């Protein structure tokens, strides 16, 4: 793993017994010594978990054309944002398929902050830089100087409040505020990837260990990649390389709600309109096993005994049993008997809504 990057918290992860694995170009803990299930439980069951997600990318967009630029390169309607608001969105290519899914933070009319996926960071930045040449904006990649922590769970606010001068109670869901965290300037947003109340915390690398340790001292439990994936799968949240990729459009991925075709021109719009008119080639559905089994990524999905697609994310949920997200043929999205092939056996499943378990985000 010598060619992999380390976050500023690598040594603390090792000291806590973190099992280090390669992920998105970094060495990150997949779990700690007590195991992923206990980490998952800490977040779901009334405590708070802390995640090192510094591998994610952070990009600042500034200039008089910032809004115009972001309207063109992203799918959602950035003009609807007010200062201090966060928006889930996507970057598409001209084929209408995903370059990445992102979050957009509006700081002011001419300043925005983007959070992008780890594995796509350099691709995303290159894309944004290339497109920015036609606009009066600057695109600055701040990833290498920024530590990003997620603090999730019922006790997240209590654990964090004493470390910041930001009034956390005043931050609504998908809102953010700038202020001081452990004496340094940073951003705190009421966002996350778990379905629980909590925050994402953007701070300079220099105070990463101090803030991490302070949150541990407040009772936060360190959480690795495995529990994080369990939590996001229970919510049905899309993950790049699984539910979304450069092979699917928002039509297939059920993400037309972040794709505003009426806002004006944007990259990929024409292709998405065509796909919408022609109909999706496959559909993303949520499944719950009605028999014992654990569905995994790439397991085949059958409808009425005919192979129809495959699982994109699957797991045994401690709260909901065997659950999966899967792409199937459009004609099988709502009708027919479903099964998932697990170790040579067809295990019955049923279509269900999302999330698989109740969300506790504070809206």
Protein backbone atom coordinates (compact mmCIF):
# COMPACT_ATOMS: atom_id res chain seq x y z
CA UNK A 1 0.00 0.00 0.00
CA UNK A 2 3.08 2.26 -0.29
CA UNK A 3 1.66 4.23 -3.24
CA UNK A 4 -1.53 5.04 -1.36
CA UNK A 5 -2.19 8.35 0.37
CA UNK A 6 -2.76 8.78 4.08
CA UNK A 7 -5.13 11.23 5.75
CA UNK A 8 -3.85 13.33 8.68
CA UNK A 9 -5.60 10.82 10.95
CA UNK A 10 -3.78 7.71 9.75
CA UNK A 11 -1.68 7.29 12.92
CA UNK A 12 -4.71 7.69 15.24
CA UNK A 13 -6.57 5.08 13.19
CA UNK A 14 -3.72 2.60 13.64
CA UNK A 15 -3.45 3.41 17.35
CA UNK A 16 -7.16 2.65 17.77
CA UNK A 17 -6.73 -0.77 16.17
CA UNK A 18 -8.10 0.20 12.78
CA UNK A 19 -7.79 -2.49 10.11
CA UNK A 20 -6.30 -0.53 7.23
CA UNK A 21 -7.33 -1.26 3.63
CA UNK A 22 -6.89 0.54 0.30
CA UNK A 23 -9.89 2.69 -0.64
CA UNK A 24 -10.15 5.37 -3.33
CA UNK A 25 -6.39 5.85 -3.38
CA UNK A 26 -6.04 6.09 0.42
CA UNK A 27 -5.18 3.85 3.33
CA UNK A 28 -8.31 3.91 5.47
CA UNK A 29 -9.80 1.84 8.32
CA UNK A 30 -12.43 -0.65 7.21
CA UNK A 31 -13.22 -1.29 10.89
CA UNK A 32 -11.73 -0.97 14.36
CA UNK A 33 -11.02 -3.63 16.96
CA UNK A 34 -14.62 -3.97 18.20
CA UNK A 35 -15.94 -4.70 14.72
CA UNK A 36 -18.25 -3.10 12.16
CA UNK A 37 -21.48 -4.26 13.81
CA UNK A 38 -20.75 -2.43 17.06
CA UNK A 39 -19.74 0.65 15.09
CA UNK A 40 -23.00 0.51 13.13
CA UNK A 41 -24.94 0.12 16.38
CA UNK A 42 -23.28 3.18 17.92
CA UNK A 43 -24.68 5.34 15.12
CA UNK A 44 -28.12 3.75 14.87
CA UNK A 45 -28.75 3.21 18.56
CA UNK A 46 -28.55 6.60 20.25
CA UNK A 47 -24.82 7.37 20.48
CA UNK A 48 -22.58 9.12 17.94
CA UNK A 49 -20.02 7.87 15.46
CA UNK A 50 -17.12 9.75 13.92
CA UNK A 51 -15.95 8.99 10.38
CA UNK A 52 -12.74 10.14 8.68
CA UNK A 53 -13.91 11.04 5.17
CA UNK A 54 -10.95 13.23 4.30
CA UNK A 55 -10.53 11.22 1.11
CA UNK A 56 -13.49 13.16 -0.31
CA UNK A 57 -12.60 16.16 -2.46
CA UNK A 58 -13.33 19.81 -1.78
CA UNK A 59 -13.45 22.42 -4.54
CA UNK A 60 -14.06 26.16 -4.20
CA UNK A 61 -15.72 28.00 -7.11
CA UNK A 62 -15.59 31.80 -7.06
CA UNK A 63 -16.24 34.67 -9.45
CA UNK A 64 -18.95 36.79 -11.02
CA UNK A 65 -20.02 33.87 -13.23
CA UNK A 66 -20.05 31.30 -10.40
CA UNK A 67 -23.81 30.75 -10.55
CA UNK A 68 -23.90 30.69 -14.34
CA UNK A 69 -21.02 28.20 -14.41
CA UNK A 70 -22.54 25.84 -11.85
CA UNK A 71 -25.91 25.98 -13.58
CA UNK A 72 -24.14 24.72 -16.71
CA UNK A 73 -21.98 21.97 -15.17
CA UNK A 74 -24.42 20.58 -12.58
CA UNK A 75 -27.86 19.03 -12.93
CA UNK A 76 -29.74 20.69 -10.09
CA UNK A 77 -31.02 24.28 -10.06
CA UNK A 78 -28.33 26.22 -8.22
CA UNK A 79 -30.37 29.43 -8.53
CA UNK A 80 -32.77 28.03 -5.92
CA UNK A 81 -30.07 28.01 -3.23
CA UNK A 82 -29.88 30.65 -0.52
CA UNK A 83 -26.71 31.49 1.38
CA UNK A 84 -25.90 28.72 3.83
CA UNK A 85 -27.81 26.02 1.96
CA UNK A 86 -26.52 22.69 0.59
CA UNK A 87 -27.83 20.97 -2.54
CA UNK A 88 -27.42 17.38 -3.75
CA UNK A 89 -26.55 17.38 -7.44
CA UNK A 90 -24.51 15.69 -10.15
CA UNK A 91 -21.97 16.29 -12.88
CA UNK A 92 -22.88 14.69 -16.21
CA UNK A 93 -20.97 14.22 -19.45
CA UNK A 94 -22.40 14.96 -22.88
CA UNK A 95 -23.83 11.41 -23.02
CA UNK A 96 -25.98 12.28 -20.00
CA UNK A 97 -24.23 9.73 -17.78
CA UNK A 98 -22.60 10.43 -14.45
CA UNK A 99 -19.16 11.91 -13.97
CA UNK A 100 -19.99 12.13 -10.26
CA UNK A 101 -22.64 13.00 -7.70
CA UNK A 102 -21.76 15.99 -5.55
CA UNK A 103 -23.03 18.43 -2.96
CA UNK A 104 -23.04 22.17 -3.65
CA UNK A 105 -22.67 24.69 -0.80
CA UNK A 106 -23.73 28.29 -1.47
CA UNK A 107 -21.54 30.72 0.46
CA UNK A 108 -22.63 33.83 -1.46
CA UNK A 109 -23.78 34.83 -4.94
CA UNK A 110 -20.24 34.55 -6.26
CA UNK A 111 -18.78 31.84 -4.00
CA UNK A 112 -19.65 28.15 -3.74
CA UNK A 113 -18.06 25.06 -2.26
CA UNK A 114 -18.34 21.58 -3.78
CA UNK A 115 -17.84 18.22 -2.08
CA UNK A 116 -16.93 15.52 -4.59
CA UNK A 117 -16.28 11.79 -4.42
CA UNK A 118 -12.84 10.51 -3.51
CA UNK A 119 -12.18 8.23 -6.47
CA UNK A 120 -13.40 10.91 -8.89
CA UNK A 121 -11.53 13.88 -7.45
CA UNK A 122 -8.92 14.41 -10.16
CA UNK A 123 -11.36 13.61 -12.97
CA UNK A 124 -13.91 16.03 -11.52
CA UNK A 125 -11.42 18.83 -11.02
CA UNK A 126 -10.04 18.43 -14.55
CA UNK A 127 -13.61 18.54 -15.92
CA UNK A 128 -14.49 21.64 -13.91
CA UNK A 129 -11.26 23.39 -14.86
CA UNK A 130 -11.79 22.70 -18.55
CA UNK A 131 -15.38 23.96 -18.51
CA UNK A 132 -14.48 27.05 -16.44
CA UNK A 133 -12.48 28.54 -19.32
CA UNK A 134 -15.67 29.93 -20.82
CA UNK A 135 -16.73 31.64 -17.59
CA UNK A 136 -15.36 34.36 -15.31
CA UNK A 137 -14.68 31.99 -12.41
CA UNK A 138 -11.82 30.36 -10.56
CA UNK A 139 -11.86 26.67 -9.61
CA UNK A 140 -9.60 25.81 -6.69
CA UNK A 141 -9.00 22.27 -5.43
CA UNK A 142 -8.63 22.56 -1.64
CA UNK A 143 -8.69 18.82 -0.93
CA UNK A 144 -5.07 18.38 0.12
CA UNK A 145 -5.36 21.08 2.81
CA UNK A 146 -8.74 20.01 4.18
CA UNK A 147 -9.80 17.33 6.67
CA UNK A 148 -13.41 16.23 6.47
CA UNK A 149 -15.09 14.47 9.38
CA UNK A 150 -18.63 13.13 9.63
CA UNK A 151 -20.17 13.03 13.10
CA UNK A 152 -23.41 11.07 12.97
CA UNK A 153 -25.96 9.91 15.51
CA UNK A 154 -28.31 11.19 18.20
CA UNK A 155 -25.53 12.57 20.39
CA UNK A 156 -23.59 14.26 17.58
CA UNK A 157 -24.73 17.78 18.39
CA UNK A 158 -23.93 17.47 22.09
CA UNK A 159 -20.47 16.11 21.33
CA UNK A 160 -19.59 18.85 18.86
CA UNK A 161 -21.10 21.99 20.34
CA UNK A 162 -18.36 22.74 22.91
CA UNK A 163 -15.72 22.68 20.15
CA UNK A 164 -17.25 25.43 18.04
CA UNK A 165 -18.69 28.93 18.26
CA UNK A 166 -21.31 27.96 15.67
CA UNK A 167 -24.81 27.52 17.09
CA UNK A 168 -25.45 23.98 15.89
CA UNK A 169 -29.12 24.04 16.87
CA UNK A 170 -29.68 26.81 14.32
CA UNK A 171 -28.34 24.73 11.42
CA UNK A 172 -31.22 23.06 9.59
CA UNK A 173 -31.05 19.94 7.46
CA UNK A 174 -28.93 20.49 4.36
CA UNK A 175 -27.79 23.85 5.72
CA UNK A 176 -24.34 24.93 6.85
CA UNK A 177 -22.52 27.63 8.75
CA UNK A 178 -18.99 29.00 8.79
CA UNK A 179 -17.20 29.71 12.05
CA UNK A 180 -14.47 28.46 14.34
CA UNK A 181 -13.85 24.85 15.28
CA UNK A 182 -11.12 24.35 17.89
CA UNK A 183 -10.04 27.92 17.17
CA UNK A 184 -9.63 27.51 13.40
CA UNK A 185 -11.93 28.59 10.59
CA UNK A 186 -14.13 25.85 9.19
CA UNK A 187 -17.51 24.78 7.88
CA UNK A 188 -20.13 22.64 9.59
CA UNK A 189 -23.11 21.30 7.65
CA UNK A 190 -26.09 19.30 8.84
CA UNK A 191 -25.57 16.59 6.25
CA UNK A 192 -24.46 12.97 6.22
CA UNK A 193 -24.58 9.56 4.60
CA UNK A 194 -26.22 7.55 7.37
CA UNK A 195 -29.87 8.57 7.78
CA UNK A 196 -29.16 9.85 11.30
CA UNK A 197 -28.91 13.39 12.58
CA UNK A 198 -25.38 14.68 12.37
CA UNK A 199 -22.82 16.92 10.77
CA UNK A 200 -20.00 17.05 8.27
CA UNK A 201 -17.08 19.12 9.48
CA UNK A 202 -14.55 20.81 7.16
CA UNK A 203 -11.37 21.87 8.98
CA UNK A 204 -7.69 22.57 8.21
CA UNK A 205 -5.42 19.54 8.38
CA UNK A 206 -3.44 21.15 11.18
CA UNK A 207 -6.20 20.67 13.74
CA UNK A 208 -7.47 17.29 12.49
CA UNK A 209 -5.97 15.19 15.29
CA UNK A 210 -7.02 17.69 17.97
CA UNK A 211 -10.65 17.70 16.82
CA UNK A 212 -10.74 13.93 16.29
CA UNK A 213 -9.44 13.28 19.81
CA UNK A 214 -11.74 15.87 21.35
CA UNK A 215 -14.77 14.17 19.79
CA UNK A 216 -13.57 10.77 20.98
CA UNK A 217 -13.23 12.25 24.46
CA UNK A 218 -16.85 13.40 24.19
CA UNK A 219 -17.92 9.81 23.60
CA UNK A 220 -17.95 9.55 19.81
CA UNK A 221 -17.15 6.07 18.49
CA UNK A 222 -14.69 5.76 15.56
CA UNK A 223 -16.41 4.25 12.52
CA UNK A 224 -14.78 2.48 9.57
CA UNK A 225 -15.73 1.98 5.94
CA UNK A 226 -17.72 -1.23 6.51
CA UNK A 227 -20.20 0.28 8.96
CA UNK A 228 -20.48 3.40 6.84
CA UNK A 229 -21.50 1.30 3.86
CA UNK A 230 -24.04 -0.60 5.97
CA UNK A 231 -25.61 2.67 7.09
CA UNK A 232 -25.81 4.22 3.63
CA UNK A 233 -27.19 1.03 2.06
CA UNK A 234 -30.02 0.91 4.61
CA UNK A 235 -30.97 4.40 3.44
CA UNK A 236 -30.77 3.47 -0.23
CA UNK A 237 -28.27 6.26 -0.90
CA UNK A 238 -26.51 5.98 -4.25
CA UNK A 239 -22.78 5.26 -4.38
CA UNK A 240 -20.62 6.05 -7.39
CA UNK A 241 -19.44 2.84 -9.04
CA UNK A 242 -22.49 1.00 -7.74
CA UNK A 243 -25.86 2.70 -8.40
CA UNK A 244 -24.39 5.50 -10.52
CA UNK A 245 -21.58 5.49 -13.05
CA UNK A 246 -20.65 6.69 -16.52
CA UNK A 247 -22.94 3.98 -17.88
CA UNK A 248 -26.25 5.21 -16.45
CA UNK A 249 -28.22 8.44 -16.66
CA UNK A 250 -30.39 10.03 -13.95
CA UNK A 251 -33.38 8.39 -15.68
CA UNK A 252 -32.19 4.88 -14.80
CA UNK A 253 -30.81 5.87 -11.37
CA UNK A 254 -34.09 7.44 -10.19
CA UNK A 255 -32.29 10.77 -9.80
CA UNK A 256 -34.43 12.93 -12.05
CA UNK A 257 -35.41 14.78 -8.87
CA UNK A 258 -31.94 16.39 -8.90
CA UNK A 259 -31.98 16.87 -12.69
CA UNK A 260 -33.88 20.04 -13.54
CA UNK A 261 -34.64 19.97 -17.24
CA UNK A 262 -36.50 23.28 -17.02
CA UNK A 263 -33.62 25.38 -15.64
CA UNK A 264 -31.86 26.09 -18.95
CA UNK A 265 -29.01 24.38 -20.73
CA UNK A 266 -26.53 22.17 -18.90
CA UNK A 267 -24.03 19.50 -19.85
CA UNK A 268 -25.84 16.26 -20.70
CA UNK A 269 -29.32 17.80 -20.79
CA UNK A 270 -30.09 16.83 -24.38
CA UNK A 271 -29.01 13.23 -23.83
CA UNK A 272 -31.10 12.94 -20.66
CA UNK A 273 -34.15 14.35 -22.45
CA UNK A 274 -33.71 11.77 -25.19
CA UNK A 275 -33.31 8.92 -22.72
CA UNK A 276 -36.37 10.08 -20.81
CA UNK A 277 -38.42 10.19 -24.01
CA UNK A 278 -37.15 6.82 -25.25
CA UNK A 279 -37.47 5.16 -21.85
CA UNK A 280 -34.86 3.78 -19.49
CA UNK A 281 -32.89 0.71 -20.55
CA UNK A 282 -32.93 -0.53 -16.95
CA UNK A 283 -34.44 0.55 -13.65
CA UNK A 284 -33.05 0.77 -10.14
CA UNK A 285 -35.24 -0.96 -7.56
CA UNK A 286 -35.06 -1.79 -3.86
CA UNK A 287 -35.41 -5.40 -2.76
CA UNK A 288 -35.87 -7.18 0.54
CA UNK A 289 -35.31 -10.91 0.86
CA UNK A 290 -38.26 -12.93 2.09
CA UNK A 291 -36.02 -15.91 2.82
CA UNK A 292 -32.69 -16.18 4.61
CA UNK A 293 -29.64 -14.99 2.73
CA UNK A 294 -27.24 -12.11 2.19
CA UNK A 295 -27.37 -10.39 -1.21
CA UNK A 296 -24.06 -9.05 -2.46
CA UNK A 297 -22.92 -6.78 -5.28
CA UNK A 298 -23.13 -8.37 -8.75
CA UNK A 299 -25.40 -11.21 -7.63
CA UNK A 300 -27.86 -11.94 -10.43
CA UNK A 301 -31.49 -10.90 -10.11
CA UNK A 302 -34.23 -13.01 -11.71
CA UNK A 303 -37.86 -12.10 -12.40
CA UNK A 304 -40.27 -14.94 -13.13
CA UNK A 305 -37.25 -17.20 -13.47
CA UNK A 306 -35.59 -15.07 -16.17
CA UNK A 307 -32.32 -13.23 -15.54
CA UNK A 308 -33.15 -9.52 -15.42
CA UNK A 309 -30.24 -7.69 -13.83
CA UNK A 310 -27.89 -7.60 -10.88
CA UNK A 311 -27.42 -6.28 -7.37
CA UNK A 312 -25.48 -3.02 -7.10
CA UNK A 313 -25.38 -2.87 -3.28
CA UNK A 314 -26.50 -5.54 -0.83
CA UNK A 315 -26.11 -6.56 2.79
CA UNK A 316 -27.64 -8.12 5.85
CA UNK A 317 -29.23 -5.25 7.72
CA UNK A 318 -29.41 -5.80 11.49
CA UNK A 319 -32.79 -4.05 11.39
CA UNK A 320 -34.28 -5.15 8.07
CA UNK A 321 -32.62 -8.44 7.09
CA UNK A 322 -31.33 -9.08 3.59
CA UNK A 323 -31.69 -5.90 1.51
CA UNK A 324 -30.40 -4.84 -1.87
CA UNK A 325 -30.44 -2.19 -4.54
CA UNK A 326 -30.48 -3.66 -8.04
CA UNK A 327 -30.88 -2.77 -11.68
CA UNK A 328 -33.43 -4.80 -13.62
CA UNK A 329 -35.07 -4.62 -17.02
CA UNK A 330 -37.70 -1.83 -17.18
CA UNK A 331 -40.55 -4.28 -17.63
CA UNK A 332 -39.53 -6.02 -14.40
CA UNK A 333 -39.33 -2.91 -12.21
CA UNK A 334 -42.87 -3.27 -10.89
CA UNK A 335 -44.17 -6.70 -11.92
CA UNK A 336 -43.16 -10.36 -11.62
CA UNK A 337 -41.76 -12.65 -8.92
CA UNK A 338 -38.25 -11.63 -7.91
CA UNK A 339 -35.38 -13.75 -6.68
CA UNK A 340 -31.66 -13.23 -6.16
CA UNK A 341 -29.18 -15.97 -6.96
CA UNK A 342 -27.10 -16.57 -3.83
CA UNK A 343 -24.51 -19.36 -3.97
CA UNK A 344 -26.40 -21.18 -6.68
CA UNK A 345 -29.82 -20.89 -5.03
CA UNK A 346 -32.66 -18.59 -6.01
CA UNK A 347 -33.68 -16.72 -2.84
CA UNK A 348 -37.08 -15.03 -2.98
CA UNK A 349 -37.32 -11.27 -2.60
CA UNK A 350 -39.94 -8.55 -2.79
CA UNK A 351 -39.84 -5.01 -4.08
CA UNK A 352 -39.97 -2.37 -1.37
CA UNK A 353 -39.71 1.34 -0.83
CA UNK A 354 -36.78 3.30 0.56
CA UNK A 355 -35.28 3.75 3.03
CA UNK A 356 -35.09 0.16 4.27
CA UNK A 357 -35.10 1.47 7.85
CA UNK A 358 -36.50 4.68 9.27
CA UNK A 359 -34.48 7.84 8.70
CA UNK A 360 -33.80 10.02 11.74
CA UNK A 361 -32.38 13.07 10.00
CA UNK A 362 -33.38 16.33 11.65
CA UNK A 363 -35.45 18.23 9.08
